[in-house]
Amino acid sequence: MTTIGAIDAGSNAIRIVIAELAATGSGEPRRIEAERVAVRLGHNTFTSGALTTATIDAAVAAFVRFRARFDEHGVKLYRAVATSALRTATNRDVLLHRLHHEAKIDLEVIDGEEEARLVRSAVVQAMGTQVTPRVILDLGGGSLEVNLRVDATWRGKSL
């Protein structure tokens, strides 16, 4: 078994999922833990342009707890991404630096197109063999991801 982790640092909440992959690599990952912490990274970011010290402290505390969960489950492979709020925050480097040093987690600030691609991938995966949608919309706390399928090609955009 391989244990993997994912963290999504969104505008309203930070989410973690830890899952096990079968040794053969076949089948669905089995979720073993999930948590949501309402840190609200976008709260002051969208009005003042910057994260407050209190918000940074709350995010670091959540990530330190997430690191402990990763360590407990033996997670070596993870992806941690941040979306709209940290794309906007003028002082995001303060948070990224603290996360790297205090939580030992590297947080990747992804662009809107990557965010749209991840949303599309999750929706298509969740639907399985059902009909493939023509449009996928994801309204978050700070952006709207739009995915359009034209014939066999997807086009993703973040607004």
C-alpha atoms as a PDB file:
ATOM      1  CA  MET A   1       0.000   0.000   0.000  1.00  0.00           C
ATOM      2  CA  THR A   2       1.059   3.542  -0.758  1.00  0.00           C
ATOM      3  CA  THR A   3      -0.435   6.353   1.291  1.00  0.00           C
ATOM      4  CA  ILE A   4      -0.864   9.720  -0.413  1.00  0.00           C
ATOM      5  CA  GLY A   5      -2.118  13.128   0.671  1.00  0.00           C
ATOM      6  CA  ALA A   6      -3.742  16.181  -0.835  1.00  0.00           C
ATOM      7  CA  ILE A   7      -4.293  19.658   0.551  1.00  0.00           C
ATOM      8  CA  ASP A   8      -6.504  22.313  -1.049  1.00  0.00           C
ATOM      9  CA  ALA A   9      -6.023  25.783   0.410  1.00  0.00           C
ATOM     10  CA  GLY A  10      -9.079  27.610  -0.883  1.00  0.00           C
ATOM     11  CA  SER A  11     -10.471  31.041  -0.181  1.00  0.00           C
ATOM     12  CA  ASN A  12     -12.876  29.852   2.539  1.00  0.00           C
ATOM     13  CA  ALA A  13     -11.396  26.617   3.848  1.00  0.00           C
ATOM     14  CA  ILE A  14      -8.332  24.410   3.795  1.00  0.00           C
ATOM     15  CA  ARG A  15      -9.022  20.737   3.158  1.00  0.00           C
ATOM     16  CA  ILE A  16      -6.859  17.653   3.588  1.00  0.00           C
ATOM     17  CA  VAL A  17      -7.467  14.146   2.294  1.00  0.00           C
ATOM     18  CA  ILE A  18      -5.295  11.116   3.003  1.00  0.00           C
ATOM     19  CA  ALA A  19      -5.853   7.980   0.933  1.00  0.00           C
ATOM     20  CA  GLU A  20      -4.350   4.560   0.334  1.00  0.00           C
ATOM     21  CA  LEU A  21      -3.529   3.220  -3.102  1.00  0.00           C
ATOM     22  CA  ALA A  22      -3.592  -0.515  -3.729  1.00  0.00           C
ATOM     23  CA  ALA A  23      -0.132  -2.015  -4.275  1.00  0.00           C
ATOM     24  CA  THR A  24      -1.128  -3.073  -7.798  1.00  0.00           C
ATOM     25  CA  GLY A  25      -2.071   0.481  -8.724  1.00  0.00           C
ATOM     26  CA  SER A  26      -5.511  -0.668  -9.798  1.00  0.00           C
ATOM     27  CA  GLY A  27      -8.794   0.418  -8.313  1.00  0.00           C
ATOM     28  CA  GLU A  28      -9.910   3.572  -6.579  1.00  0.00           C
ATOM     29  CA  PRO A  29      -7.906   5.167  -3.803  1.00  0.00           C
ATOM     30  CA  ARG A  30      -9.418   4.401  -0.388  1.00  0.00           C
ATOM     31  CA  ARG A  31      -9.919   7.545   1.678  1.00  0.00           C
ATOM     32  CA  ILE A  32      -8.690   7.036   5.216  1.00  0.00           C
ATOM     33  CA  GLU A  33      -8.952  10.561   6.567  1.00  0.00           C
ATOM     34  CA  ALA A  34     -10.361  13.948   5.583  1.00  0.00           C
ATOM     35  CA  GLU A  35     -10.662  17.259   7.390  1.00  0.00           C
ATOM     36  CA  ARG A  36     -11.851  20.784   6.605  1.00  0.00           C
ATOM     37  CA  VAL A  37     -10.645  23.849   8.511  1.00  0.00           C
ATOM     38  CA  ALA A  38     -12.431  27.164   7.900  1.00  0.00           C
ATOM     39  CA  VAL A  39      -9.403  29.470   7.812  1.00  0.00           C
ATOM     40  CA  ARG A  40     -10.929  31.914   5.267  1.00  0.00           C
ATOM     41  CA  LEU A  41      -7.736  32.922   3.448  1.00  0.00           C
ATOM     42  CA  GLY A  42      -9.768  35.208   1.181  1.00  0.00           C
ATOM     43  CA  HIS A  43     -11.510  37.187   3.937  1.00  0.00           C
ATOM     44  CA  ASN A  44      -9.174  40.195   4.118  1.00  0.00           C
ATOM     45  CA  THR A  45      -7.188  39.302   1.023  1.00  0.00           C
ATOM     46  CA  PHE A  46     -10.050  40.232  -1.275  1.00  0.00           C
ATOM     47  CA  THR A  47     -10.716  43.540   0.514  1.00  0.00           C
ATOM     48  CA  SER A  48      -7.233  44.738   1.528  1.00  0.00           C
ATOM     49  CA  GLY A  49      -5.017  42.695  -0.800  1.00  0.00           C
ATOM     50  CA  ALA A  50      -3.103  40.979   1.998  1.00  0.00           C
ATOM     51  CA  LEU A  51      -3.439  38.171   4.519  1.00  0.00           C
ATOM     52  CA  THR A  52      -3.700  39.264   8.157  1.00  0.00           C
ATOM     53  CA  THR A  53      -1.279  37.973  10.768  1.00  0.00           C
ATOM     54  CA  ALA A  54      -4.152  36.132  12.452  1.00  0.00           C
ATOM     55  CA  THR A  55      -5.091  34.404   9.192  1.00  0.00           C
ATOM     56  CA  ILE A  56      -1.476  33.398   8.549  1.00  0.00           C
ATOM     57  CA  ASP A  57      -1.205  32.026  12.099  1.00  0.00           C
ATOM     58  CA  ALA A  58      -4.439  30.026  11.682  1.00  0.00           C
ATOM     59  CA  ALA A  59      -3.265  28.606   8.362  1.00  0.00           C
ATOM     60  CA  VAL A  60       0.116  27.606   9.806  1.00  0.00           C
ATOM     61  CA  ALA A  61      -1.606  25.899  12.766  1.00  0.00           C
ATOM     62  CA  ALA A  62      -3.809  23.911  10.355  1.00  0.00           C
ATOM     63  CA  PHE A  63      -0.836  22.873   8.231  1.00  0.00           C
ATOM     64  CA  VAL A  64       1.183  21.821  11.303  1.00  0.00           C
ATOM     65  CA  ARG A  65      -1.759  19.568  12.265  1.00  0.00           C
ATOM     66  CA  PHE A  66      -1.919  18.264   8.674  1.00  0.00           C
ATOM     67  CA  ARG A  67       1.812  17.450   8.772  1.00  0.00           C
ATOM     68  CA  ALA A  68       1.211  15.423  11.946  1.00  0.00           C
ATOM     69  CA  ARG A  69      -1.562  13.501  10.170  1.00  0.00           C
ATOM     70  CA  PHE A  70       0.734  12.893   7.169  1.00  0.00           C
ATOM     71  CA  ASP A  71       3.468  11.604   9.475  1.00  0.00           C
ATOM     72  CA  GLU A  72       1.057   9.376  11.415  1.00  0.00           C
ATOM     73  CA  HIS A  73      -0.135   7.722   8.192  1.00  0.00           C
ATOM     74  CA  GLY A  74       3.309   7.579   6.551  1.00  0.00           C
ATOM     75  CA  VAL A  75       2.459   9.993   3.730  1.00  0.00           C
ATOM     76  CA  LYS A  76       5.546  10.649   1.623  1.00  0.00           C
ATOM     77  CA  LEU A  77       3.804  11.737  -1.579  1.00  0.00           C
ATOM     78  CA  TYR A  78       1.426  14.691  -1.464  1.00  0.00           C
ATOM     79  CA  ARG A  79       0.298  17.717  -3.417  1.00  0.00           C
ATOM     80  CA  ALA A  80      -0.684  20.906  -1.616  1.00  0.00           C
ATOM     81  CA  VAL A  81      -2.215  23.653  -3.725  1.00  0.00           C
ATOM     82  CA  ALA A  82      -3.553  27.128  -3.068  1.00  0.00           C
ATOM     83  CA  THR A  83      -6.038  28.917  -5.270  1.00  0.00           C
ATOM     84  CA  SER A  84      -7.537  32.367  -5.736  1.00  0.00           C
ATOM     85  CA  ALA A  85      -6.887  33.940  -2.313  1.00  0.00           C
ATOM     86  CA  LEU A  86      -3.154  33.272  -2.417  1.00  0.00           C
ATOM     87  CA  ARG A  87      -2.912  34.187  -6.096  1.00  0.00           C
ATOM     88  CA  THR A  88      -4.192  37.598  -4.955  1.00  0.00           C
ATOM     89  CA  ALA A  89      -2.393  38.062  -1.616  1.00  0.00           C
ATOM     90  CA  THR A  90       0.525  40.483  -1.823  1.00  0.00           C
ATOM     91  CA  ASN A  91       2.146  38.891   1.240  1.00  0.00           C
ATOM     92  CA  ARG A  92       1.645  35.226   0.304  1.00  0.00           C
ATOM     93  CA  ASP A  93       5.410  34.643   0.514  1.00  0.00           C
ATOM     94  CA  VAL A  94       5.209  35.127   4.295  1.00  0.00           C
ATOM     95  CA  LEU A  95       2.731  32.256   4.546  1.00  0.00           C
ATOM     96  CA  LEU A  96       4.601  30.029   2.071  1.00  0.00           C
ATOM     97  CA  HIS A  97       7.865  30.554   3.978  1.00  0.00           C
ATOM     98  CA  ARG A  98       6.301  29.736   7.343  1.00  0.00           C
ATOM     99  CA  LEU A  99       4.581  26.628   5.963  1.00  0.00           C
ATOM    100  CA  HIS A 100       7.844  25.355   4.523  1.00  0.00           C
ATOM    101  CA  HIS A 101       9.775  25.897   7.761  1.00  0.00           C
ATOM    102  CA  GLU A 102       7.161  25.280  10.464  1.00  0.00           C
ATOM    103  CA  ALA A 103       4.926  22.621   8.892  1.00  0.00           C
ATOM    104  CA  LYS A 104       7.465  21.130   6.462  1.00  0.00           C
ATOM    105  CA  ILE A 105       4.850  21.403   3.701  1.00  0.00           C
ATOM    106  CA  ASP A 106       5.473  23.128   0.394  1.00  0.00           C
ATOM    107  CA  LEU A 107       2.331  24.871  -0.807  1.00  0.00           C
ATOM    108  CA  GLU A 108       2.042  25.468  -4.554  1.00  0.00           C
ATOM    109  CA  VAL A 109       0.037  28.520  -5.662  1.00  0.00           C
ATOM    110  CA  ILE A 110      -1.611  27.318  -8.869  1.00  0.00           C
ATOM    111  CA  ASP A 111      -2.941  29.474 -11.671  1.00  0.00           C
ATOM    112  CA  GLY A 112      -6.593  29.533 -12.656  1.00  0.00           C
ATOM    113  CA  GLU A 113      -6.127  27.213 -15.627  1.00  0.00           C
ATOM    114  CA  GLU A 114      -4.580  24.500 -13.435  1.00  0.00           C
ATOM    115  CA  GLU A 115      -7.396  24.976 -10.928  1.00  0.00           C
ATOM    116  CA  ALA A 116      -9.933  24.498 -13.756  1.00  0.00           C
ATOM    117  CA  ARG A 117      -8.083  21.365 -14.939  1.00  0.00           C
ATOM    118  CA  LEU A 118      -8.118  19.838 -11.459  1.00  0.00           C
ATOM    119  CA  VAL A 119     -11.842  20.542 -11.075  1.00  0.00           C
ATOM    120  CA  ARG A 120     -12.532  18.981 -14.473  1.00  0.00           C
ATOM    121  CA  SER A 121     -10.448  15.924 -13.646  1.00  0.00           C
ATOM    122  CA  ALA A 122     -12.256  15.389 -10.335  1.00  0.00           C
ATOM    123  CA  VAL A 123     -15.729  15.752 -11.850  1.00  0.00           C
ATOM    124  CA  VAL A 124     -15.025  13.458 -14.806  1.00  0.00           C
ATOM    125  CA  GLN A 125     -13.438  10.878 -12.452  1.00  0.00           C
ATOM    126  CA  ALA A 126     -16.402  11.037 -10.054  1.00  0.00           C
ATOM    127  CA  MET A 127     -18.901  10.543 -12.873  1.00  0.00           C
ATOM    128  CA  GLY A 128     -17.102   7.415 -14.065  1.00  0.00           C
ATOM    129  CA  THR A 129     -18.746   5.826 -17.071  1.00  0.00           C
ATOM    130  CA  GLN A 130     -21.778   8.095 -16.987  1.00  0.00           C
ATOM    131  CA  VAL A 131     -22.269  10.624 -19.757  1.00  0.00           C
ATOM    132  CA  THR A 132     -19.364  13.087 -19.972  1.00  0.00           C
ATOM    133  CA  PRO A 133     -20.627  16.591 -19.175  1.00  0.00           C
ATOM    134  CA  ARG A 134     -20.345  19.396 -21.714  1.00  0.00           C
ATOM    135  CA  VAL A 135     -19.914  22.149 -19.118  1.00  0.00           C
ATOM    136  CA  ILE A 136     -18.420  22.072 -15.618  1.00  0.00           C
ATOM    137  CA  LEU A 137     -18.614  25.125 -13.352  1.00  0.00           C
ATOM    138  CA  ASP A 138     -16.924  25.485  -9.971  1.00  0.00           C
ATOM    139  CA  LEU A 139     -17.841  28.600  -8.005  1.00  0.00           C
ATOM    140  CA  GLY A 140     -15.361  29.100  -5.186  1.00  0.00           C
ATOM    141  CA  GLY A 141     -14.874  31.874  -2.681  1.00  0.00           C
ATOM    142  CA  GLY A 142     -12.756  33.990  -5.015  1.00  0.00           C
ATOM    143  CA  SER A 143     -13.056  32.633  -8.542  1.00  0.00           C
ATOM    144  CA  LEU A 144     -15.224  30.759 -10.999  1.00  0.00           C
ATOM    145  CA  GLU A 145     -13.688  27.913 -12.994  1.00  0.00           C
ATOM    146  CA  VAL A 146     -15.401  27.193 -16.301  1.00  0.00           C
ATOM    147  CA  ASN A 147     -14.716  24.053 -18.331  1.00  0.00           C
ATOM    148  CA  LEU A 148     -16.297  23.650 -21.771  1.00  0.00           C
ATOM    149  CA  ARG A 149     -16.118  20.481 -23.849  1.00  0.00           C
ATOM    150  CA  VAL A 150     -16.137  21.090 -27.578  1.00  0.00           C
ATOM    151  CA  ASP A 151     -16.182  17.736 -29.372  1.00  0.00           C
ATOM    152  CA  ALA A 152     -13.419  15.777 -27.594  1.00  0.00           C
ATOM    153  CA  THR A 153     -11.455  18.832 -26.437  1.00  0.00           C
ATOM    154  CA  TRP A 154     -11.787  20.585 -23.098  1.00  0.00           C
ATOM    155  CA  ARG A 155     -11.170  24.305 -22.604  1.00  0.00           C
ATOM    156  CA  GLY A 156     -10.684  25.549 -19.063  1.00  0.00           C
ATOM    157  CA  LYS A 157     -10.779  29.127 -17.848  1.00  0.00           C
ATOM    158  CA  SER A 158     -10.735  30.829 -14.477  1.00  0.00           C
ATOM    159  CA  LEU A 159     -12.651  34.059 -13.889  1.00  0.00           C
END
